[in-house]
Amino acid sequence: MVLSAHGRCGHRAHRGRRSRVRRLLACRLRDRVVIEFRSVRKEYPDGTVAVADVSLTVPSHRTVVLVGSSGSGKTTLLRMVNRMVEPTSGQVLIDDEDVHERDAVRLRRSIGYVMQSSGLLPHVRVIDNIATVPVLNGVPKAQARARARELMETVGLDDELAARYPAQLSGGQQQRVGVARALASDPNILLMDEPFGAVDPVVRGELQRELLRLQTELGKTIVFVTHDIDEAFALGDEIVILAREGRIVQQGTRDEILESPADDFVREFVGLVGGRREMTLRTTSQGTAVVDGSGRVQGMLRGDA
């Protein structure tokens, strides 16, 4: 077992996936990464309040989804973790250490960050896009590239794509490269800001399933931002529903929120008002489909001809 300079479980290239999974699972007890927001507020010079007063804890090795409409402060909160946004007041802590006390550049390089647009360097090949942060951290290029190829396999990218440029990839492939790059320095924390919002629904579903698989293997502490409640329910161990200025309306698991919505705002937001979550059966050429109130197919009845 290898420990990195930051106390995390490090890597050796060319190991099989099973051995990596066992090693990473064994390290989870050691990597107790908790993110805490303590009464954070963000007010801009023109008086606009993005986040009024938010206190929230993100448990170790869990996926917490911040979900809300535009103006709910969800991206502002996420970007406070890596100091891309500085709170006007309050604190953001990682393992009881105020992030404001840490060097901003080193902090950002120690945290994985995936954006909606993938944020890839357009004139850099895929393999070197993935290897960017390790190289900046002083890892030899050959070692960083070996790690990048390993991660390409992890996120489901063919090795033949390594020499391509971002413009030569599909939207889904670009997002997979973005996820691989975010994982390249083996961060304990992964910030994901609507990472699948720019791809079509089919690819989006594939990427969501891939993220669930990766989280099962790697056990990161993930803060995920979305405006889509269905995506939040699909991915989150815990969902935080935000109203204007970051006000937490309800926090809990999918089942807790659906079974006991806090108020009318939550009921409407999750689709319990207007019958969007009422299920009906519809006969199709492939069999009997289960359809929600918005007309979207949620599944097929098993054994149906």
Protein backbone atom coordinates (compact mmCIF):
# COMPACT_ATOMS: atom_id res chain seq x y z
CA MET A 1 0.00 0.00 0.00
CA VAL A 2 1.31 3.43 -0.98
CA LEU A 3 0.56 6.69 0.79
CA SER A 4 0.76 9.92 -1.16
CA ALA A 5 2.36 13.08 0.18
CA HIS A 6 -1.04 14.32 1.27
CA GLY A 7 -1.84 11.20 3.30
CA ARG A 8 -4.14 9.75 0.68
CA CYS A 9 -3.89 6.31 -0.78
CA GLY A 10 -1.60 6.66 -3.78
CA HIS A 11 -1.26 4.65 -6.97
CA ARG A 12 0.98 2.33 -8.86
CA ALA A 13 0.47 2.08 -12.58
CA HIS A 14 -0.45 -1.12 -14.42
CA ARG A 15 -2.36 -2.69 -11.53
CA GLY A 16 -5.58 -4.53 -12.21
CA ARG A 17 -8.89 -2.92 -11.42
CA ARG A 18 -9.77 -5.46 -8.72
CA SER A 19 -6.54 -4.85 -6.81
CA ARG A 20 -7.08 -1.11 -7.07
CA VAL A 21 -10.62 -1.43 -5.77
CA ARG A 22 -9.53 -3.56 -2.78
CA ARG A 23 -6.74 -1.13 -1.99
CA LEU A 24 -9.00 1.89 -2.21
CA LEU A 25 -11.71 0.30 -0.10
CA ALA A 26 -9.12 -0.54 2.55
CA CYS A 27 -8.07 3.10 2.62
CA ARG A 28 -11.53 4.53 3.20
CA LEU A 29 -11.29 4.35 6.97
CA ARG A 30 -8.10 6.37 6.79
CA ASP A 31 -9.46 9.05 4.46
CA ARG A 32 -12.09 10.73 6.62
CA VAL A 33 -12.88 13.82 4.56
CA VAL A 34 -15.78 15.90 5.83
CA ILE A 35 -16.79 19.25 4.30
CA GLU A 36 -18.59 21.72 6.53
CA PHE A 37 -20.25 25.03 5.69
CA ARG A 38 -20.65 27.20 8.79
CA SER A 39 -23.08 30.11 8.40
CA VAL A 40 -21.66 31.06 5.01
CA ARG A 41 -22.89 34.16 3.21
CA LYS A 42 -21.98 35.58 -0.17
CA GLU A 43 -22.98 39.14 -0.96
CA TYR A 44 -21.61 40.96 -3.99
CA PRO A 45 -20.63 44.67 -4.04
CA ASP A 46 -23.88 45.63 -5.81
CA GLY A 47 -25.86 44.18 -2.91
CA THR A 48 -26.87 40.94 -4.63
CA VAL A 49 -27.04 38.09 -2.13
CA ALA A 50 -26.18 34.73 -3.68
CA VAL A 51 -26.12 32.80 -0.39
CA ALA A 52 -27.68 34.26 2.75
CA ASP A 53 -26.81 31.98 5.67
CA VAL A 54 -26.09 28.33 5.01
CA SER A 55 -24.83 25.67 7.39
CA LEU A 56 -24.35 22.20 5.93
CA THR A 57 -22.19 19.12 6.46
CA VAL A 58 -21.09 16.82 3.63
CA PRO A 59 -20.21 13.40 5.13
CA SER A 60 -17.13 11.46 4.14
CA HIS A 61 -17.36 9.14 1.11
CA ARG A 62 -20.91 10.22 0.29
CA THR A 63 -22.48 11.94 -2.69
CA VAL A 64 -24.42 15.02 -1.63
CA VAL A 65 -26.44 16.69 -4.37
CA LEU A 66 -27.31 20.38 -4.20
CA VAL A 67 -30.42 20.86 -6.29
CA GLY A 68 -32.40 23.99 -6.99
CA SER A 69 -33.50 26.37 -9.70
CA SER A 70 -31.50 29.35 -10.98
CA GLY A 71 -30.60 31.77 -8.19
CA SER A 72 -30.58 29.15 -5.44
CA GLY A 73 -26.85 29.56 -4.80
CA LYS A 74 -25.95 25.93 -5.45
CA THR A 75 -22.94 26.63 -7.69
CA THR A 76 -21.80 29.41 -5.36
CA LEU A 77 -21.73 26.96 -2.47
CA LEU A 78 -19.84 24.35 -4.49
CA ARG A 79 -17.20 26.87 -5.58
CA MET A 80 -16.62 27.98 -2.00
CA VAL A 81 -15.07 24.57 -1.32
CA ASN A 82 -12.11 25.16 -3.65
CA ARG A 83 -12.04 28.93 -3.04
CA MET A 84 -13.15 29.90 -6.52
CA VAL A 85 -15.72 31.92 -4.58
CA GLU A 86 -14.80 33.48 -1.25
CA PRO A 87 -17.63 33.81 1.30
CA THR A 88 -18.41 37.28 2.59
CA SER A 89 -18.74 35.77 6.04
CA GLY A 90 -18.76 32.34 7.63
CA GLN A 91 -16.39 29.43 7.12
CA VAL A 92 -15.90 26.43 4.86
CA LEU A 93 -13.91 23.65 6.51
CA ILE A 94 -12.37 20.42 5.25
CA ASP A 95 -11.63 18.06 8.13
CA ASP A 96 -11.97 20.98 10.59
CA GLU A 97 -9.45 23.12 8.68
CA ASP A 98 -10.68 26.44 7.28
CA VAL A 99 -10.00 26.43 3.53
CA HIS A 100 -9.22 30.15 3.77
CA GLU A 101 -6.06 29.22 5.67
CA ARG A 102 -4.82 27.06 2.79
CA ASP A 103 -2.98 28.19 -0.33
CA ALA A 104 -5.69 28.58 -2.98
CA VAL A 105 -3.70 27.04 -5.85
CA ARG A 106 -2.60 24.01 -3.86
CA LEU A 107 -6.14 23.59 -2.55
CA ARG A 108 -7.61 23.57 -6.05
CA ARG A 109 -5.06 21.07 -7.30
CA SER A 110 -5.96 18.74 -4.44
CA ILE A 111 -9.70 18.77 -5.29
CA GLY A 112 -11.26 17.23 -8.40
CA TYR A 113 -13.47 19.62 -10.36
CA VAL A 114 -15.79 18.72 -13.25
CA MET A 115 -17.75 21.41 -15.12
CA GLN A 116 -20.64 21.28 -17.55
CA SER A 117 -18.44 22.30 -20.48
CA SER A 118 -15.70 19.78 -19.53
CA GLY A 119 -13.15 22.62 -19.49
CA LEU A 120 -10.61 20.69 -21.56
CA LEU A 121 -7.60 22.44 -23.08
CA PRO A 122 -8.51 22.53 -26.81
CA HIS A 123 -4.96 22.30 -28.20
CA VAL A 124 -3.82 19.52 -25.86
CA ARG A 125 -4.28 15.82 -26.58
CA VAL A 126 -6.60 13.75 -24.40
CA ILE A 127 -3.83 11.95 -22.53
CA ASP A 128 -2.11 15.22 -21.59
CA ASN A 129 -5.41 16.87 -20.65
CA ILE A 130 -5.91 14.09 -18.11
CA ALA A 131 -2.30 14.33 -16.90
CA THR A 132 -2.39 18.13 -16.43
CA VAL A 133 -2.72 18.38 -12.65
CA PRO A 134 -0.25 15.60 -11.75
CA VAL A 135 2.36 17.24 -14.02
CA LEU A 136 1.71 20.62 -12.38
CA ASN A 137 2.20 18.89 -9.02
CA GLY A 138 5.63 17.66 -10.11
CA VAL A 139 4.86 14.11 -11.23
CA PRO A 140 7.14 13.04 -14.11
CA LYS A 141 5.31 13.21 -17.44
CA ALA A 142 5.77 9.51 -18.24
CA GLN A 143 4.30 8.52 -14.88
CA ALA A 144 1.42 10.99 -15.25
CA ARG A 145 0.64 9.64 -18.72
CA ALA A 146 0.65 6.06 -17.45
CA ARG A 147 -1.83 7.11 -14.77
CA ALA A 148 -3.90 8.90 -17.44
CA ARG A 149 -4.17 5.71 -19.52
CA GLU A 150 -5.23 3.81 -16.43
CA LEU A 151 -7.96 6.37 -15.78
CA MET A 152 -9.13 6.24 -19.39
CA GLU A 153 -9.90 2.58 -18.83
CA THR A 154 -11.56 3.40 -15.51
CA VAL A 155 -14.01 5.89 -17.08
CA GLY A 156 -14.69 3.72 -20.13
CA LEU A 157 -12.59 5.44 -22.81
CA ASP A 158 -10.77 3.47 -25.51
CA ASP A 159 -7.00 3.83 -25.43
CA GLU A 160 -7.03 4.85 -29.09
CA LEU A 161 -8.58 8.18 -28.04
CA ALA A 162 -5.48 9.17 -26.08
CA ALA A 163 -3.87 10.96 -29.03
CA ARG A 164 -7.00 12.85 -30.09
CA TYR A 165 -7.87 16.46 -29.36
CA PRO A 166 -11.08 17.47 -27.52
CA ALA A 167 -12.76 18.69 -30.73
CA GLN A 168 -12.41 15.17 -32.15
CA LEU A 169 -14.50 13.69 -29.33
CA SER A 170 -18.24 13.43 -28.80
CA GLY A 171 -19.83 15.38 -25.96
CA GLY A 172 -20.06 12.27 -23.81
CA GLN A 173 -16.42 11.39 -24.45
CA GLN A 174 -15.36 14.91 -23.51
CA GLN A 175 -17.19 14.64 -20.21
CA ARG A 176 -15.53 11.29 -19.49
CA VAL A 177 -12.15 12.91 -20.11
CA GLY A 178 -13.18 15.69 -17.73
CA VAL A 179 -14.00 13.14 -15.03
CA ALA A 180 -10.71 11.30 -15.63
CA ARG A 181 -8.79 14.56 -15.34
CA ALA A 182 -10.56 15.39 -12.08
CA LEU A 183 -9.52 12.00 -10.68
CA ALA A 184 -5.92 12.13 -11.93
CA SER A 185 -4.36 13.43 -8.70
CA ASP A 186 -6.40 10.99 -6.58
CA PRO A 187 -8.39 13.69 -4.78
CA ASN A 188 -10.50 12.81 -1.79
CA ILE A 189 -13.04 15.46 -2.83
CA LEU A 190 -14.80 15.68 -6.19
CA LEU A 191 -16.82 18.78 -7.10
CA MET A 192 -19.23 18.33 -10.01
CA ASP A 193 -21.05 21.40 -11.34
CA GLU A 194 -23.88 20.21 -13.63
CA PRO A 195 -21.35 17.99 -15.43
CA PHE A 196 -23.89 16.15 -17.59
CA GLY A 197 -26.16 19.08 -18.44
CA ALA A 198 -24.82 19.67 -21.96
CA VAL A 199 -25.26 16.15 -23.37
CA ASP A 200 -28.32 14.41 -24.77
CA PRO A 201 -30.59 12.37 -22.46
CA VAL A 202 -29.26 8.98 -23.59
CA VAL A 203 -25.61 9.93 -23.01
CA ARG A 204 -26.59 11.64 -19.79
CA GLY A 205 -28.08 8.42 -18.46
CA GLU A 206 -24.93 6.51 -19.42
CA LEU A 207 -22.71 9.05 -17.63
CA GLN A 208 -24.90 8.93 -14.53
CA ARG A 209 -24.62 5.15 -14.37
CA GLU A 210 -20.87 5.42 -14.90
CA LEU A 211 -20.57 7.86 -12.00
CA LEU A 212 -22.49 5.50 -9.72
CA ARG A 213 -20.10 2.70 -10.67
CA LEU A 214 -17.04 4.87 -10.10
CA GLN A 215 -18.30 6.00 -6.72
CA THR A 216 -18.84 2.37 -5.69
CA GLU A 217 -15.22 1.65 -6.60
CA LEU A 218 -13.53 4.84 -5.39
CA GLY A 219 -15.64 6.14 -2.50
CA LYS A 220 -14.95 9.85 -3.00
CA THR A 221 -16.58 12.69 -1.09
CA ILE A 222 -18.70 14.25 -3.85
CA VAL A 223 -20.58 17.54 -4.00
CA PHE A 224 -22.79 17.45 -7.10
CA VAL A 225 -24.81 20.40 -8.41
CA THR A 226 -27.87 20.05 -10.65
CA HIS A 227 -31.20 21.69 -11.37
CA ASP A 228 -32.73 18.30 -12.28
CA ILE A 229 -34.46 16.59 -9.35
CA ASP A 230 -34.50 13.24 -11.18
CA GLU A 231 -30.73 13.40 -11.56
CA ALA A 232 -30.44 14.31 -7.89
CA PHE A 233 -32.56 11.32 -6.88
CA ALA A 234 -30.56 9.00 -9.15
CA LEU A 235 -27.12 10.01 -7.87
CA GLY A 236 -27.41 11.39 -4.36
CA ASP A 237 -26.91 9.54 -1.10
CA GLU A 238 -28.33 12.75 0.31
CA ILE A 239 -30.21 15.51 -1.51
CA VAL A 240 -30.27 19.15 -0.40
CA ILE A 241 -33.11 21.16 -1.95
CA LEU A 242 -32.31 24.87 -2.09
CA ALA A 243 -34.59 27.87 -2.54
CA ARG A 244 -33.49 31.46 -3.24
CA GLU A 245 -30.24 32.65 -1.64
CA GLY A 246 -29.26 29.12 -0.68
CA ARG A 247 -32.03 28.58 1.84
CA ILE A 248 -32.16 24.86 2.65
CA VAL A 249 -35.79 23.80 2.28
CA GLN A 250 -35.26 20.10 2.87
CA GLN A 251 -32.38 17.68 3.23
CA GLY A 252 -32.56 13.90 3.17
CA THR A 253 -32.59 10.77 1.06
CA ARG A 254 -34.80 10.33 -1.99
CA ASP A 255 -37.29 8.21 -0.07
CA GLU A 256 -37.40 10.62 2.88
CA ILE A 257 -38.14 13.57 0.63
CA LEU A 258 -40.78 11.80 -1.45
CA GLU A 259 -42.49 10.27 1.58
CA SER A 260 -42.43 13.42 3.74
CA PRO A 261 -41.98 16.60 1.68
CA ALA A 262 -41.30 19.58 3.94
CA ASP A 263 -43.75 22.01 2.31
CA ASP A 264 -45.60 22.93 -0.87
CA PHE A 265 -42.40 24.22 -2.48
CA VAL A 266 -40.80 20.80 -2.14
CA ARG A 267 -43.93 18.99 -3.27
CA GLU A 268 -44.05 21.06 -6.44
CA PHE A 269 -40.30 20.91 -7.03
CA VAL A 270 -40.12 17.11 -6.86
CA GLY A 271 -43.24 16.66 -8.97
CA LEU A 272 -45.77 15.55 -6.38
CA VAL A 273 -48.04 18.41 -7.45
CA GLY A 274 -49.76 17.98 -10.80
CA GLY A 275 -49.26 14.23 -10.96
CA ARG A 276 -45.77 14.22 -12.53
CA ARG A 277 -44.74 11.29 -10.33
CA GLU A 278 -47.95 9.35 -10.86
CA MET A 279 -47.18 6.21 -12.87
CA THR A 280 -49.39 4.77 -15.60
CA LEU A 281 -49.06 1.82 -17.98
CA ARG A 282 -48.82 2.27 -21.73
CA THR A 283 -48.82 -0.47 -24.37
CA THR A 284 -45.99 -0.15 -26.90
CA SER A 285 -44.59 -2.31 -29.70
CA GLN A 286 -41.97 -3.60 -27.23
CA GLY A 287 -44.44 -4.38 -24.46
CA THR A 288 -45.97 -2.51 -21.53
CA ALA A 289 -44.10 0.62 -20.49
CA VAL A 290 -44.28 2.36 -17.11
CA VAL A 291 -44.75 6.08 -17.84
CA ASP A 292 -44.59 9.04 -15.45
CA GLY A 293 -46.83 12.09 -15.46
CA SER A 294 -44.50 13.92 -17.86
CA GLY A 295 -44.80 11.14 -20.42
CA ARG A 296 -41.31 9.77 -19.85
CA VAL A 297 -40.78 6.01 -19.88
CA GLN A 298 -39.42 4.88 -16.51
CA GLY A 299 -39.16 1.18 -17.33
CA MET A 300 -40.79 -1.88 -18.87
CA LEU A 301 -42.77 -4.58 -17.12
CA ARG A 302 -40.70 -7.75 -16.80
CA GLY A 303 -41.93 -10.80 -18.63
CA ASP A 304 -44.28 -8.70 -20.71
CA ALA A 305 -44.49 -9.69 -24.35
